[in-house]
Amino acid sequence: MKKVAILFVLILSGGFIYRLSSAGNNEELQNKEISPLVEANEDLTIWMVTDIHYIAPELHDNGAAFAEMKQTAVGKDIARIDSIMQALVWEAAKEKPELLIVSGDLTFNGEYESMVGLAKYFKQIEDNGTQVSVIPGNHDIHSSWARRFVGSEMEKTKQISPTAFRETFADFGYDLATHQDPDSLSYVIEPKPNYPIMMMDTNIYSDTETSKS
C-alpha cells in the first residue's frame, strides 16, 4: 500500500510539473521574479497546520443543530475554533516563523463565509511578519455539505468556488508563486533560493456548485 501511495504522488507530481513546463507560452504562468523570504545563507523556519475546519460564527447560533454537529464532528473542535485561531495568531507573532503552510481542509465544509473569516486571521498573521501559503483540501471547494445551523435546522449556504478560493487567498501563497498550474489551484513557491515547495491541489471537485439533499 505504501508503494502504491508513493507511486500515486509521483504521478501527480510529474503531471503537475509537465503542465507547468507546457504553460511557457502563457505569459501569466511564466516564471515570475519573486523575492525569497530568506537568503541562501539564512535559516528558514516553516510551520505547517492542516485540517483547521474553520466555521464562521455567523453560520451558527449554538442551537440544537449545531450541538448535534459538534457531537458528530469527530476530531474537529468547531466550538472553540476562533479561540484556536487567535492562539495561532498570537504564537506566530511571538515565534515569528518565516512561513506558515496551511495544507488543506481550511473550512468546515466549504462555506464561503468561513473562507472569508479565515482570511482575516491569515492577514493578522502576515501583518505580524509571517507569510502564509494555503492549498485547498477535499472539504473546501464546492462542497455539497456547506451549511448554516439555525435552531434545530441546517440550511444550505454559499459554497466556495475555485475562483473565489484563489481570489480570497490571493495574498496567502499565490502572491509568492513562481509558477501556477493552469488546470488547478496548485502552485510552486521558493521561500529560500533553490528550495522550491510544490503546493499541490490533488482534489477532485466540480466547477459549479453541487447539491445534496
C-alpha atoms as a PDB file:
ATOM      1  CA  MET A   1       0.000   0.000   0.000  1.00  0.00           C
ATOM      2  CA  LYS A   2       2.838   2.405   0.844  1.00  0.00           C
ATOM      3  CA  LYS A   3       4.479   1.793  -2.550  1.00  0.00           C
ATOM      4  CA  VAL A   4       1.174   2.470  -4.321  1.00  0.00           C
ATOM      5  CA  ALA A   5       0.729   5.737  -2.403  1.00  0.00           C
ATOM      6  CA  ILE A   6       4.267   6.857  -3.261  1.00  0.00           C
ATOM      7  CA  LEU A   7       3.732   5.989  -6.939  1.00  0.00           C
ATOM      8  CA  PHE A   8       0.453   7.945  -6.956  1.00  0.00           C
ATOM      9  CA  VAL A   9       2.184  11.020  -5.531  1.00  0.00           C
ATOM     10  CA  LEU A  10       4.992  10.729  -8.076  1.00  0.00           C
ATOM     11  CA  ILE A  11       2.490  10.513 -10.949  1.00  0.00           C
ATOM     12  CA  LEU A  12       0.626  13.560  -9.666  1.00  0.00           C
ATOM     13  CA  SER A  13       3.875  15.469  -9.226  1.00  0.00           C
ATOM     14  CA  GLY A  14       5.036  14.537 -12.705  1.00  0.00           C
ATOM     15  CA  GLY A  15       1.755  15.656 -14.243  1.00  0.00           C
ATOM     16  CA  PHE A  16       1.881  18.934 -12.355  1.00  0.00           C
ATOM     17  CA  ILE A  17       5.463  19.654 -13.467  1.00  0.00           C
ATOM     18  CA  TYR A  18       4.575  18.779 -17.068  1.00  0.00           C
ATOM     19  CA  ARG A  19       1.625  21.194 -17.085  1.00  0.00           C
ATOM     20  CA  LEU A  20       3.801  23.938 -15.653  1.00  0.00           C
ATOM     21  CA  SER A  21       6.501  23.401 -18.268  1.00  0.00           C
ATOM     22  CA  SER A  22       3.871  23.230 -21.034  1.00  0.00           C
ATOM     23  CA  ALA A  23       2.443  26.582 -19.981  1.00  0.00           C
ATOM     24  CA  GLY A  24       5.520  28.502 -21.055  1.00  0.00           C
ATOM     25  CA  ASN A  25       3.670  30.383 -23.801  1.00  0.00           C
ATOM     26  CA  ASN A  26       1.128  31.718 -21.330  1.00  0.00           C
ATOM     27  CA  GLU A  27       2.596  34.977 -20.059  1.00  0.00           C
ATOM     28  CA  GLU A  28       0.600  34.771 -16.832  1.00  0.00           C
ATOM     29  CA  LEU A  29       2.126  31.397 -15.980  1.00  0.00           C
ATOM     30  CA  GLN A  30       5.737  32.081 -16.891  1.00  0.00           C
ATOM     31  CA  ASN A  31       8.398  32.236 -14.214  1.00  0.00           C
ATOM     32  CA  LYS A  32       7.970  35.309 -12.028  1.00  0.00           C
ATOM     33  CA  GLU A  33      10.722  37.065 -10.154  1.00  0.00           C
ATOM     34  CA  ILE A  34       9.635  36.622  -6.544  1.00  0.00           C
ATOM     35  CA  SER A  35      11.936  37.691  -3.751  1.00  0.00           C
ATOM     36  CA  PRO A  36      12.691  34.794  -1.375  1.00  0.00           C
ATOM     37  CA  LEU A  37      11.725  35.094   2.270  1.00  0.00           C
ATOM     38  CA  VAL A  38      15.324  34.458   3.331  1.00  0.00           C
ATOM     39  CA  GLU A  39      18.680  34.438   1.576  1.00  0.00           C
ATOM     40  CA  ALA A  40      20.561  31.251   0.694  1.00  0.00           C
ATOM     41  CA  ASN A  41      22.834  31.507   3.739  1.00  0.00           C
ATOM     42  CA  GLU A  42      19.994  32.174   6.201  1.00  0.00           C
ATOM     43  CA  ASP A  43      17.857  29.770   8.205  1.00  0.00           C
ATOM     44  CA  LEU A  44      14.245  29.293   7.153  1.00  0.00           C
ATOM     45  CA  THR A  45      11.591  28.401   9.729  1.00  0.00           C
ATOM     46  CA  ILE A  46       8.414  26.828   8.352  1.00  0.00           C
ATOM     47  CA  TRP A  47       5.320  25.980  10.357  1.00  0.00           C
ATOM     48  CA  MET A  48       2.591  23.754   8.993  1.00  0.00           C
ATOM     49  CA  VAL A  49      -1.010  23.389  10.112  1.00  0.00           C
ATOM     50  CA  THR A  50      -3.696  21.268   8.500  1.00  0.00           C
ATOM     51  CA  ASP A  51      -7.390  20.486   8.784  1.00  0.00           C
ATOM     52  CA  ILE A  52      -8.383  23.689  10.538  1.00  0.00           C
ATOM     53  CA  HIS A  53     -12.030  23.147   9.531  1.00  0.00           C
ATOM     54  CA  TYR A  54     -12.886  26.729  10.424  1.00  0.00           C
ATOM     55  CA  ILE A  55     -16.577  27.632  10.613  1.00  0.00           C
ATOM     56  CA  ALA A  56     -17.576  31.288  10.747  1.00  0.00           C
ATOM     57  CA  PRO A  57     -19.539  32.253  13.890  1.00  0.00           C
ATOM     58  CA  GLU A  58     -22.217  33.805  11.649  1.00  0.00           C
ATOM     59  CA  LEU A  59     -23.079  30.326  10.399  1.00  0.00           C
ATOM     60  CA  HIS A  60     -24.499  29.026  13.668  1.00  0.00           C
ATOM     61  CA  ASP A  61     -26.459  30.152  16.711  1.00  0.00           C
ATOM     62  CA  ASN A  62     -25.241  27.445  19.123  1.00  0.00           C
ATOM     63  CA  GLY A  63     -28.641  25.821  18.759  1.00  0.00           C
ATOM     64  CA  ALA A  64     -29.679  22.173  18.659  1.00  0.00           C
ATOM     65  CA  ALA A  65     -28.498  21.537  15.091  1.00  0.00           C
ATOM     66  CA  PHE A  66     -25.041  22.916  15.838  1.00  0.00           C
ATOM     67  CA  ALA A  67     -24.865  20.957  19.097  1.00  0.00           C
ATOM     68  CA  GLU A  68     -25.600  17.753  17.200  1.00  0.00           C
ATOM     69  CA  MET A  69     -22.965  18.582  14.588  1.00  0.00           C
ATOM     70  CA  LYS A  70     -20.375  19.152  17.334  1.00  0.00           C
ATOM     71  CA  GLN A  71     -21.064  15.654  18.648  1.00  0.00           C
ATOM     72  CA  THR A  72     -20.574  14.041  15.242  1.00  0.00           C
ATOM     73  CA  ALA A  73     -17.638  16.178  14.018  1.00  0.00           C
ATOM     74  CA  VAL A  74     -15.012  13.874  15.488  1.00  0.00           C
ATOM     75  CA  GLY A  75     -11.576  15.498  15.642  1.00  0.00           C
ATOM     76  CA  LYS A  76     -12.896  18.957  14.732  1.00  0.00           C
ATOM     77  CA  ASP A  77     -13.103  21.388  17.640  1.00  0.00           C
ATOM     78  CA  ILE A  78     -15.551  23.666  15.842  1.00  0.00           C
ATOM     79  CA  ALA A  79     -16.967  25.098  19.081  1.00  0.00           C
ATOM     80  CA  ARG A  80     -13.610  26.689  20.002  1.00  0.00           C
ATOM     81  CA  ILE A  81     -12.150  27.259  16.565  1.00  0.00           C
ATOM     82  CA  ASP A  82     -11.992  31.056  16.916  1.00  0.00           C
ATOM     83  CA  SER A  83     -10.018  30.711  20.159  1.00  0.00           C
ATOM     84  CA  ILE A  84      -7.693  28.266  18.415  1.00  0.00           C
ATOM     85  CA  MET A  85      -7.107  30.679  15.535  1.00  0.00           C
ATOM     86  CA  GLN A  86      -6.484  33.564  17.945  1.00  0.00           C
ATOM     87  CA  ALA A  87      -3.906  31.396  19.703  1.00  0.00           C
ATOM     88  CA  LEU A  88      -2.224  30.639  16.367  1.00  0.00           C
ATOM     89  CA  VAL A  89      -2.052  34.356  15.552  1.00  0.00           C
ATOM     90  CA  TRP A  90      -0.516  35.059  18.967  1.00  0.00           C
ATOM     91  CA  GLU A  91       2.000  32.202  18.776  1.00  0.00           C
ATOM     92  CA  ALA A  92       3.133  33.124  15.267  1.00  0.00           C
ATOM     93  CA  ALA A  93       3.597  36.757  16.337  1.00  0.00           C
ATOM     94  CA  LYS A  94       5.720  35.562  19.248  1.00  0.00           C
ATOM     95  CA  GLU A  95       7.884  32.996  17.434  1.00  0.00           C
ATOM     96  CA  LYS A  96       7.923  34.705  14.015  1.00  0.00           C
ATOM     97  CA  PRO A  97       8.433  31.804  11.592  1.00  0.00           C
ATOM     98  CA  GLU A  98       9.079  32.995   8.054  1.00  0.00           C
ATOM     99  CA  LEU A  99       6.372  30.790   6.534  1.00  0.00           C
ATOM    100  CA  LEU A 100       3.127  29.152   7.654  1.00  0.00           C
ATOM    101  CA  ILE A 101       1.803  26.446   5.300  1.00  0.00           C
ATOM    102  CA  VAL A 102      -1.889  25.551   5.631  1.00  0.00           C
ATOM    103  CA  SER A 103      -2.290  22.251   3.828  1.00  0.00           C
ATOM    104  CA  GLY A 104      -5.997  21.767   3.207  1.00  0.00           C
ATOM    105  CA  ASP A 105      -9.447  21.477   4.748  1.00  0.00           C
ATOM    106  CA  LEU A 106      -9.304  25.107   5.736  1.00  0.00           C
ATOM    107  CA  THR A 107     -13.075  25.339   6.204  1.00  0.00           C
ATOM    108  CA  PHE A 108     -15.566  23.097   7.969  1.00  0.00           C
ATOM    109  CA  ASN A 109     -17.411  22.085   4.818  1.00  0.00           C
ATOM    110  CA  GLY A 110     -16.618  24.625   2.131  1.00  0.00           C
ATOM    111  CA  GLU A 111     -18.710  27.554   3.359  1.00  0.00           C
ATOM    112  CA  TYR A 112     -17.909  30.845   1.611  1.00  0.00           C
ATOM    113  CA  GLU A 113     -18.346  32.840   4.834  1.00  0.00           C
ATOM    114  CA  SER A 114     -15.905  30.549   6.630  1.00  0.00           C
ATOM    115  CA  MET A 115     -13.283  31.148   3.958  1.00  0.00           C
ATOM    116  CA  VAL A 116     -13.697  34.930   4.234  1.00  0.00           C
ATOM    117  CA  GLY A 117     -13.486  34.787   8.031  1.00  0.00           C
ATOM    118  CA  LEU A 118     -10.377  32.625   7.954  1.00  0.00           C
ATOM    119  CA  ALA A 119      -8.655  35.006   5.540  1.00  0.00           C
ATOM    120  CA  LYS A 120      -8.933  37.734   8.203  1.00  0.00           C
ATOM    121  CA  TYR A 121      -6.874  35.601  10.609  1.00  0.00           C
ATOM    122  CA  PHE A 122      -4.272  34.955   7.897  1.00  0.00           C
ATOM    123  CA  LYS A 123      -3.993  38.707   7.316  1.00  0.00           C
ATOM    124  CA  GLN A 124      -3.260  39.218  11.009  1.00  0.00           C
ATOM    125  CA  ILE A 125      -0.539  36.579  10.816  1.00  0.00           C
ATOM    126  CA  GLU A 126       1.044  38.230   7.770  1.00  0.00           C
ATOM    127  CA  ASP A 127       0.763  41.683   9.357  1.00  0.00           C
ATOM    128  CA  ASN A 128       2.868  40.275  12.202  1.00  0.00           C
ATOM    129  CA  GLY A 129       5.626  39.192   9.815  1.00  0.00           C
ATOM    130  CA  THR A 130       4.865  35.570   8.845  1.00  0.00           C
ATOM    131  CA  GLN A 131       3.953  34.735   5.255  1.00  0.00           C
ATOM    132  CA  VAL A 132       1.012  32.342   4.801  1.00  0.00           C
ATOM    133  CA  SER A 133       0.699  29.799   1.972  1.00  0.00           C
ATOM    134  CA  VAL A 134      -2.546  27.828   1.583  1.00  0.00           C
ATOM    135  CA  ILE A 135      -3.863  24.989  -0.572  1.00  0.00           C
ATOM    136  CA  PRO A 136      -7.415  23.571  -0.571  1.00  0.00           C
ATOM    137  CA  GLY A 137      -8.460  20.203   0.799  1.00  0.00           C
ATOM    138  CA  ASN A 138     -11.365  17.959  -0.111  1.00  0.00           C
ATOM    139  CA  HIS A 139     -13.731  19.882   2.205  1.00  0.00           C
ATOM    140  CA  ASP A 140     -13.101  23.299   0.671  1.00  0.00           C
ATOM    141  CA  ILE A 141     -14.263  23.634  -2.953  1.00  0.00           C
ATOM    142  CA  HIS A 142     -17.929  23.295  -3.976  1.00  0.00           C
ATOM    143  CA  SER A 143     -18.817  21.036  -1.070  1.00  0.00           C
ATOM    144  CA  SER A 144     -22.445  19.943  -1.073  1.00  0.00           C
ATOM    145  CA  TRP A 145     -22.301  19.914   2.744  1.00  0.00           C
ATOM    146  CA  ALA A 146     -21.845  23.689   3.077  1.00  0.00           C
ATOM    147  CA  ARG A 147     -24.430  24.567   5.736  1.00  0.00           C
ATOM    148  CA  ARG A 148     -25.502  27.130   8.323  1.00  0.00           C
ATOM    149  CA  PHE A 149     -27.105  25.955  11.573  1.00  0.00           C
ATOM    150  CA  VAL A 150     -30.237  27.736  12.772  1.00  0.00           C
ATOM    151  CA  GLY A 151     -32.078  26.359  15.790  1.00  0.00           C
ATOM    152  CA  SER A 152     -32.750  22.706  15.097  1.00  0.00           C
ATOM    153  CA  GLU A 153     -32.342  23.066  11.332  1.00  0.00           C
ATOM    154  CA  MET A 154     -29.497  23.021   8.814  1.00  0.00           C
ATOM    155  CA  GLU A 155     -29.731  25.359   5.834  1.00  0.00           C
ATOM    156  CA  LYS A 156     -27.682  25.376   2.634  1.00  0.00           C
ATOM    157  CA  THR A 157     -25.227  28.255   2.371  1.00  0.00           C
ATOM    158  CA  LYS A 158     -22.947  29.679  -0.301  1.00  0.00           C
ATOM    159  CA  GLN A 159     -20.170  27.342  -1.427  1.00  0.00           C
ATOM    160  CA  ILE A 160     -16.556  28.178  -2.258  1.00  0.00           C
ATOM    161  CA  SER A 161     -15.721  28.139  -5.960  1.00  0.00           C
ATOM    162  CA  PRO A 162     -12.187  27.621  -7.313  1.00  0.00           C
ATOM    163  CA  THR A 163     -12.158  31.248  -8.495  1.00  0.00           C
ATOM    164  CA  ALA A 164     -13.321  32.567  -5.119  1.00  0.00           C
ATOM    165  CA  PHE A 165     -10.662  30.474  -3.350  1.00  0.00           C
ATOM    166  CA  ARG A 166      -7.873  31.901  -5.488  1.00  0.00           C
ATOM    167  CA  GLU A 167      -9.172  35.471  -5.181  1.00  0.00           C
ATOM    168  CA  THR A 168      -9.808  35.374  -1.424  1.00  0.00           C
ATOM    169  CA  PHE A 169      -6.446  33.797  -0.678  1.00  0.00           C
ATOM    170  CA  ALA A 170      -4.555  35.750  -3.355  1.00  0.00           C
ATOM    171  CA  ASP A 171      -2.236  37.232  -0.714  1.00  0.00           C
ATOM    172  CA  PHE A 172      -1.704  33.929   1.081  1.00  0.00           C
ATOM    173  CA  GLY A 173       0.563  31.894  -1.173  1.00  0.00           C
ATOM    174  CA  TYR A 174      -0.445  32.806  -4.694  1.00  0.00           C
ATOM    175  CA  ASP A 175       1.402  36.111  -4.346  1.00  0.00           C
ATOM    176  CA  LEU A 176       4.566  34.082  -3.628  1.00  0.00           C
ATOM    177  CA  ALA A 177       4.083  31.698  -6.570  1.00  0.00           C
ATOM    178  CA  THR A 178       6.889  31.367  -9.090  1.00  0.00           C
ATOM    179  CA  HIS A 179       4.681  29.005 -11.127  1.00  0.00           C
ATOM    180  CA  GLN A 180       0.924  28.366 -11.191  1.00  0.00           C
ATOM    181  CA  ASP A 181      -0.861  25.375 -12.688  1.00  0.00           C
ATOM    182  CA  PRO A 182      -3.464  26.458 -15.284  1.00  0.00           C
ATOM    183  CA  ASP A 183      -5.727  23.477 -14.538  1.00  0.00           C
ATOM    184  CA  SER A 184      -5.934  23.516 -10.748  1.00  0.00           C
ATOM    185  CA  LEU A 185      -5.166  25.599  -7.671  1.00  0.00           C
ATOM    186  CA  SER A 186      -1.631  24.173  -7.485  1.00  0.00           C
ATOM    187  CA  TYR A 187       1.423  26.405  -7.460  1.00  0.00           C
ATOM    188  CA  VAL A 188       5.114  26.495  -6.545  1.00  0.00           C
ATOM    189  CA  ILE A 189       6.808  28.786  -4.055  1.00  0.00           C
ATOM    190  CA  GLU A 190      10.525  29.200  -3.391  1.00  0.00           C
ATOM    191  CA  PRO A 191      10.877  30.729   0.076  1.00  0.00           C
ATOM    192  CA  LYS A 192      14.633  30.161   0.006  1.00  0.00           C
ATOM    193  CA  PRO A 193      16.829  30.088  -3.112  1.00  0.00           C
ATOM    194  CA  ASN A 194      16.924  26.575  -4.612  1.00  0.00           C
ATOM    195  CA  TYR A 195      14.336  25.280  -2.107  1.00  0.00           C
ATOM    196  CA  PRO A 196      11.089  25.102  -4.113  1.00  0.00           C
ATOM    197  CA  ILE A 197       7.905  23.857  -2.430  1.00  0.00           C
ATOM    198  CA  MET A 198       5.094  22.373  -4.515  1.00  0.00           C
ATOM    199  CA  MET A 199       1.659  23.304  -3.181  1.00  0.00           C
ATOM    200  CA  MET A 200      -0.413  20.591  -4.848  1.00  0.00           C
ATOM    201  CA  ASP A 201      -4.173  20.711  -5.286  1.00  0.00           C
ATOM    202  CA  THR A 202      -4.937  16.990  -5.644  1.00  0.00           C
ATOM    203  CA  ASN A 203      -8.681  17.349  -5.093  1.00  0.00           C
ATOM    204  CA  ILE A 204     -11.487  16.430  -7.455  1.00  0.00           C
ATOM    205  CA  TYR A 205     -14.314  18.953  -7.477  1.00  0.00           C
ATOM    206  CA  SER A 206     -16.945  20.387  -9.770  1.00  0.00           C
ATOM    207  CA  ASP A 207     -16.574  23.747 -11.488  1.00  0.00           C
ATOM    208  CA  THR A 208     -20.125  24.544 -10.390  1.00  0.00           C
ATOM    209  CA  GLU A 209     -21.994  24.269  -7.091  1.00  0.00           C
ATOM    210  CA  THR A 210     -23.012  20.782  -6.024  1.00  0.00           C
ATOM    211  CA  SER A 211     -26.124  19.704  -4.165  1.00  0.00           C
ATOM    212  CA  LYS A 212     -27.066  17.065  -1.616  1.00  0.00           C
ATOM    213  CA  SER A 213     -30.471  16.514  -0.110  1.00  0.00           C
END
